[in-house]
Amino acid sequence: MPKKALPLLLATAHAAACVVFLALREPGISFLAERERARREWGYFFINSADPYMFIAERPLYNWSEWHGGEETWVKVLEVLNLPSLILTATIGGAVIAVHRGTSFGDYPTDTWIRALFFLAFSLVQWWTIGRVVDNALRRMVAPPSDVDQS
């Protein structure tokens, strides 16, 4: 197998999972509209215990608890596998979005797409790196012993 086949396979599989998420998950426009109204109208307050904890590409990610709306199992698995990327997206992407909002050009739907781009970049790097590490480990395991002179 070529050296970059496994990293490419993992990154491609992850990109396909992201496309499936976009195709299957309905955009949470009503949540976003209420949040945008709360941001633009002084004194308006919007909170709901079943609110998603994050939006990516206008798609909500819900808490895991059934009390708070729950999340589908396949999405939970993807969240766990992509935890480093989600943490980076929430911190670095959140900081960029905070600056973007300060320019008065930002709105919640645009912010979610900015977050989606950060997540896609971080997660593709994550899966490429995992593929490289696993590929290198497998190559070391099956590599023939070096011909070192024992004399």
C-alpha atoms as a PDB file:
ATOM      1  CA  MET A   1       0.000   0.000   0.000  1.00  0.00           C
ATOM      2  CA  PRO A   2       1.394   3.460  -0.863  1.00  0.00           C
ATOM      3  CA  LYS A   3       2.703   5.457   2.080  1.00  0.00           C
ATOM      4  CA  LYS A   4      -0.024   8.122   1.973  1.00  0.00           C
ATOM      5  CA  ALA A   5      -2.941   5.774   1.279  1.00  0.00           C
ATOM      6  CA  LEU A   6      -4.064   5.300   4.897  1.00  0.00           C
ATOM      7  CA  PRO A   7      -3.972   9.019   5.828  1.00  0.00           C
ATOM      8  CA  LEU A   8      -5.841   9.832   2.623  1.00  0.00           C
ATOM      9  CA  LEU A   9      -8.388   7.078   3.293  1.00  0.00           C
ATOM     10  CA  LEU A  10      -9.069   8.303   6.852  1.00  0.00           C
ATOM     11  CA  ALA A  11      -9.325  11.967   5.807  1.00  0.00           C
ATOM     12  CA  THR A  12     -11.659  11.048   2.929  1.00  0.00           C
ATOM     13  CA  ALA A  13     -13.838   8.884   5.182  1.00  0.00           C
ATOM     14  CA  HIS A  14     -14.083  11.768   7.650  1.00  0.00           C
ATOM     15  CA  ALA A  15     -14.989  14.243   4.890  1.00  0.00           C
ATOM     16  CA  ALA A  16     -17.707  11.814   3.761  1.00  0.00           C
ATOM     17  CA  ALA A  17     -19.055  11.627   7.335  1.00  0.00           C
ATOM     18  CA  CYS A  18     -19.208  15.445   7.396  1.00  0.00           C
ATOM     19  CA  VAL A  19     -21.178  15.455   4.132  1.00  0.00           C
ATOM     20  CA  VAL A  20     -23.577  12.849   5.553  1.00  0.00           C
ATOM     21  CA  PHE A  21     -24.048  15.010   8.667  1.00  0.00           C
ATOM     22  CA  LEU A  22     -24.879  18.031   6.492  1.00  0.00           C
ATOM     23  CA  ALA A  23     -27.288  15.993   4.384  1.00  0.00           C
ATOM     24  CA  LEU A  24     -29.124  14.296   7.261  1.00  0.00           C
ATOM     25  CA  ARG A  25     -29.216  17.047   9.884  1.00  0.00           C
ATOM     26  CA  GLU A  26     -31.778  19.772   9.351  1.00  0.00           C
ATOM     27  CA  PRO A  27     -30.493  23.313   9.865  1.00  0.00           C
ATOM     28  CA  GLY A  28     -31.587  24.761  13.202  1.00  0.00           C
ATOM     29  CA  ILE A  29     -32.886  27.971  11.693  1.00  0.00           C
ATOM     30  CA  SER A  30     -35.499  28.646  14.390  1.00  0.00           C
ATOM     31  CA  PHE A  31     -32.834  28.508  17.102  1.00  0.00           C
ATOM     32  CA  LEU A  32     -30.561  30.739  15.065  1.00  0.00           C
ATOM     33  CA  ALA A  33     -33.328  33.254  14.341  1.00  0.00           C
ATOM     34  CA  GLU A  34     -34.132  33.555  18.050  1.00  0.00           C
ATOM     35  CA  ARG A  35     -30.463  33.959  18.953  1.00  0.00           C
ATOM     36  CA  GLU A  36     -29.993  36.587  16.264  1.00  0.00           C
ATOM     37  CA  ARG A  37     -33.029  38.479  17.557  1.00  0.00           C
ATOM     38  CA  ALA A  38     -31.646  38.319  21.109  1.00  0.00           C
ATOM     39  CA  ARG A  39     -28.324  39.677  19.900  1.00  0.00           C
ATOM     40  CA  ARG A  40     -29.821  42.554  17.923  1.00  0.00           C
ATOM     41  CA  GLU A  41     -32.650  43.656  20.255  1.00  0.00           C
ATOM     42  CA  TRP A  42     -31.588  45.190  23.547  1.00  0.00           C
ATOM     43  CA  GLY A  43     -33.206  43.433  26.508  1.00  0.00           C
ATOM     44  CA  TYR A  44     -34.502  40.430  24.570  1.00  0.00           C
ATOM     45  CA  PHE A  45     -33.597  37.179  26.313  1.00  0.00           C
ATOM     46  CA  PHE A  46     -33.621  33.693  24.785  1.00  0.00           C
ATOM     47  CA  ILE A  47     -32.591  30.501  26.535  1.00  0.00           C
ATOM     48  CA  ASN A  48     -33.870  26.965  26.416  1.00  0.00           C
ATOM     49  CA  SER A  49     -32.544  23.959  28.337  1.00  0.00           C
ATOM     50  CA  ALA A  50     -32.835  21.869  25.170  1.00  0.00           C
ATOM     51  CA  ASP A  51     -30.711  24.338  23.201  1.00  0.00           C
ATOM     52  CA  PRO A  52     -27.871  22.846  21.186  1.00  0.00           C
ATOM     53  CA  TYR A  53     -24.453  23.457  22.701  1.00  0.00           C
ATOM     54  CA  MET A  54     -22.908  24.339  19.344  1.00  0.00           C
ATOM     55  CA  PHE A  55     -23.914  24.956  15.744  1.00  0.00           C
ATOM     56  CA  ILE A  56     -21.748  23.825  12.855  1.00  0.00           C
ATOM     57  CA  ALA A  57     -22.873  24.905   9.367  1.00  0.00           C
ATOM     58  CA  GLU A  58     -26.254  25.924  10.812  1.00  0.00           C
ATOM     59  CA  ARG A  59     -26.699  22.343  12.105  1.00  0.00           C
ATOM     60  CA  PRO A  60     -27.172  21.909  15.841  1.00  0.00           C
ATOM     61  CA  LEU A  61     -25.087  19.613  18.027  1.00  0.00           C
ATOM     62  CA  TYR A  62     -27.208  18.657  21.012  1.00  0.00           C
ATOM     63  CA  ASN A  63     -26.278  17.638  24.525  1.00  0.00           C
ATOM     64  CA  TRP A  64     -26.097  13.912  25.063  1.00  0.00           C
ATOM     65  CA  SER A  65     -28.708  13.823  27.781  1.00  0.00           C
ATOM     66  CA  GLU A  66     -32.206  12.722  26.774  1.00  0.00           C
ATOM     67  CA  TRP A  67     -33.540  15.394  29.147  1.00  0.00           C
ATOM     68  CA  HIS A  68     -31.932  18.053  26.967  1.00  0.00           C
ATOM     69  CA  GLY A  69     -33.089  16.666  23.643  1.00  0.00           C
ATOM     70  CA  GLY A  70     -30.396  14.030  23.270  1.00  0.00           C
ATOM     71  CA  GLU A  71     -28.133  13.369  20.338  1.00  0.00           C
ATOM     72  CA  GLU A  72     -28.165  10.566  17.807  1.00  0.00           C
ATOM     73  CA  THR A  73     -25.704   7.747  18.520  1.00  0.00           C
ATOM     74  CA  TRP A  74     -23.770   8.084  15.259  1.00  0.00           C
ATOM     75  CA  VAL A  75     -23.227  11.795  15.968  1.00  0.00           C
ATOM     76  CA  LYS A  76     -22.062  10.981  19.516  1.00  0.00           C
ATOM     77  CA  VAL A  77     -19.490   8.550  18.086  1.00  0.00           C
ATOM     78  CA  LEU A  78     -18.246  11.200  15.652  1.00  0.00           C
ATOM     79  CA  GLU A  79     -18.025  13.750  18.470  1.00  0.00           C
ATOM     80  CA  VAL A  80     -15.900  11.429  20.607  1.00  0.00           C
ATOM     81  CA  LEU A  81     -13.624  10.530  17.703  1.00  0.00           C
ATOM     82  CA  ASN A  82     -13.249  14.204  16.805  1.00  0.00           C
ATOM     83  CA  LEU A  83     -12.941  15.564  20.335  1.00  0.00           C
ATOM     84  CA  PRO A  84      -9.537  17.244  19.768  1.00  0.00           C
ATOM     85  CA  SER A  85     -10.903  18.982  16.666  1.00  0.00           C
ATOM     86  CA  LEU A  86     -14.107  20.018  18.448  1.00  0.00           C
ATOM     87  CA  ILE A  87     -12.111  21.517  21.317  1.00  0.00           C
ATOM     88  CA  LEU A  88      -9.888  23.450  18.896  1.00  0.00           C
ATOM     89  CA  THR A  89     -12.952  24.566  16.936  1.00  0.00           C
ATOM     90  CA  ALA A  90     -14.695  25.795  20.074  1.00  0.00           C
ATOM     91  CA  THR A  91     -11.649  27.706  21.331  1.00  0.00           C
ATOM     92  CA  ILE A  92      -9.882  29.048  18.238  1.00  0.00           C
ATOM     93  CA  GLY A  93     -12.987  29.234  16.074  1.00  0.00           C
ATOM     94  CA  GLY A  94     -14.854  30.850  18.961  1.00  0.00           C
ATOM     95  CA  ALA A  95     -12.171  33.514  19.317  1.00  0.00           C
ATOM     96  CA  VAL A  96     -12.265  34.304  15.602  1.00  0.00           C
ATOM     97  CA  ILE A  97     -16.059  34.464  15.693  1.00  0.00           C
ATOM     98  CA  ALA A  98     -15.938  36.822  18.678  1.00  0.00           C
ATOM     99  CA  VAL A  99     -13.703  39.175  16.678  1.00  0.00           C
ATOM    100  CA  HIS A 100     -15.963  38.748  13.631  1.00  0.00           C
ATOM    101  CA  ARG A 101     -19.026  39.693  15.683  1.00  0.00           C
ATOM    102  CA  GLY A 102     -17.271  42.809  16.892  1.00  0.00           C
ATOM    103  CA  THR A 103     -17.050  44.071  13.315  1.00  0.00           C
ATOM    104  CA  SER A 104     -20.881  44.272  13.088  1.00  0.00           C
ATOM    105  CA  PHE A 105     -20.731  42.090   9.969  1.00  0.00           C
ATOM    106  CA  GLY A 106     -21.291  38.901  11.923  1.00  0.00           C
ATOM    107  CA  ASP A 107     -24.536  37.049  12.408  1.00  0.00           C
ATOM    108  CA  TYR A 108     -25.211  33.600  13.859  1.00  0.00           C
ATOM    109  CA  PRO A 109     -25.724  31.720  10.574  1.00  0.00           C
ATOM    110  CA  THR A 110     -22.436  33.095   9.185  1.00  0.00           C
ATOM    111  CA  ASP A 111     -20.689  32.319  12.476  1.00  0.00           C
ATOM    112  CA  THR A 112     -21.763  28.673  12.215  1.00  0.00           C
ATOM    113  CA  TRP A 113     -20.241  28.389   8.742  1.00  0.00           C
ATOM    114  CA  ILE A 114     -16.991  29.939   9.974  1.00  0.00           C
ATOM    115  CA  ARG A 115     -17.006  27.349  12.763  1.00  0.00           C
ATOM    116  CA  ALA A 116     -17.670  24.615  10.166  1.00  0.00           C
ATOM    117  CA  LEU A 117     -14.613  25.650   8.153  1.00  0.00           C
ATOM    118  CA  PHE A 118     -12.436  25.584  11.268  1.00  0.00           C
ATOM    119  CA  PHE A 119     -13.812  22.176  12.245  1.00  0.00           C
ATOM    120  CA  LEU A 120     -13.245  20.762   8.772  1.00  0.00           C
ATOM    121  CA  ALA A 121      -9.648  22.021   8.679  1.00  0.00           C
ATOM    122  CA  PHE A 122      -8.798  20.803  12.203  1.00  0.00           C
ATOM    123  CA  SER A 123     -10.494  17.427  11.780  1.00  0.00           C
ATOM    124  CA  LEU A 124      -8.912  16.697   8.385  1.00  0.00           C
ATOM    125  CA  VAL A 125      -5.483  17.449   9.864  1.00  0.00           C
ATOM    126  CA  GLN A 126      -6.366  15.255  12.854  1.00  0.00           C
ATOM    127  CA  TRP A 127      -7.339  12.265  10.685  1.00  0.00           C
ATOM    128  CA  TRP A 128      -4.391  12.753   8.314  1.00  0.00           C
ATOM    129  CA  THR A 129      -2.065  12.745  11.332  1.00  0.00           C
ATOM    130  CA  ILE A 130      -3.714   9.651  12.822  1.00  0.00           C
ATOM    131  CA  GLY A 131      -3.350   7.909   9.460  1.00  0.00           C
ATOM    132  CA  ARG A 132       0.346   8.823   9.241  1.00  0.00           C
ATOM    133  CA  VAL A 133       1.046   7.611  12.794  1.00  0.00           C
ATOM    134  CA  VAL A 134      -0.776   4.297  12.252  1.00  0.00           C
ATOM    135  CA  ASP A 135       0.819   3.819   8.831  1.00  0.00           C
ATOM    136  CA  ASN A 136       4.318   4.434  10.229  1.00  0.00           C
ATOM    137  CA  ALA A 137       3.666   2.051  13.128  1.00  0.00           C
ATOM    138  CA  LEU A 138       2.432  -0.666  10.760  1.00  0.00           C
ATOM    139  CA  ARG A 139       5.454  -0.205   8.502  1.00  0.00           C
ATOM    140  CA  ARG A 140       7.810  -0.580  11.474  1.00  0.00           C
ATOM    141  CA  MET A 141       6.027  -3.758  12.564  1.00  0.00           C
ATOM    142  CA  VAL A 142       6.322  -5.449   9.162  1.00  0.00           C
ATOM    143  CA  ALA A 143       9.718  -4.031   8.142  1.00  0.00           C
ATOM    144  CA  PRO A 144      12.427  -6.651   7.753  1.00  0.00           C
ATOM    145  CA  PRO A 145      15.197  -6.523  10.333  1.00  0.00           C
ATOM    146  CA  SER A 146      18.177  -4.432   9.303  1.00  0.00           C
ATOM    147  CA  ASP A 147      21.272  -6.257   8.116  1.00  0.00           C
ATOM    148  CA  VAL A 148      23.598  -5.224  10.905  1.00  0.00           C
ATOM    149  CA  ASP A 149      26.921  -7.013  10.997  1.00  0.00           C
ATOM    150  CA  GLN A 150      27.172  -8.911  14.259  1.00  0.00           C
ATOM    151  CA  SER A 151      31.000  -9.315  14.187  1.00  0.00           C
END
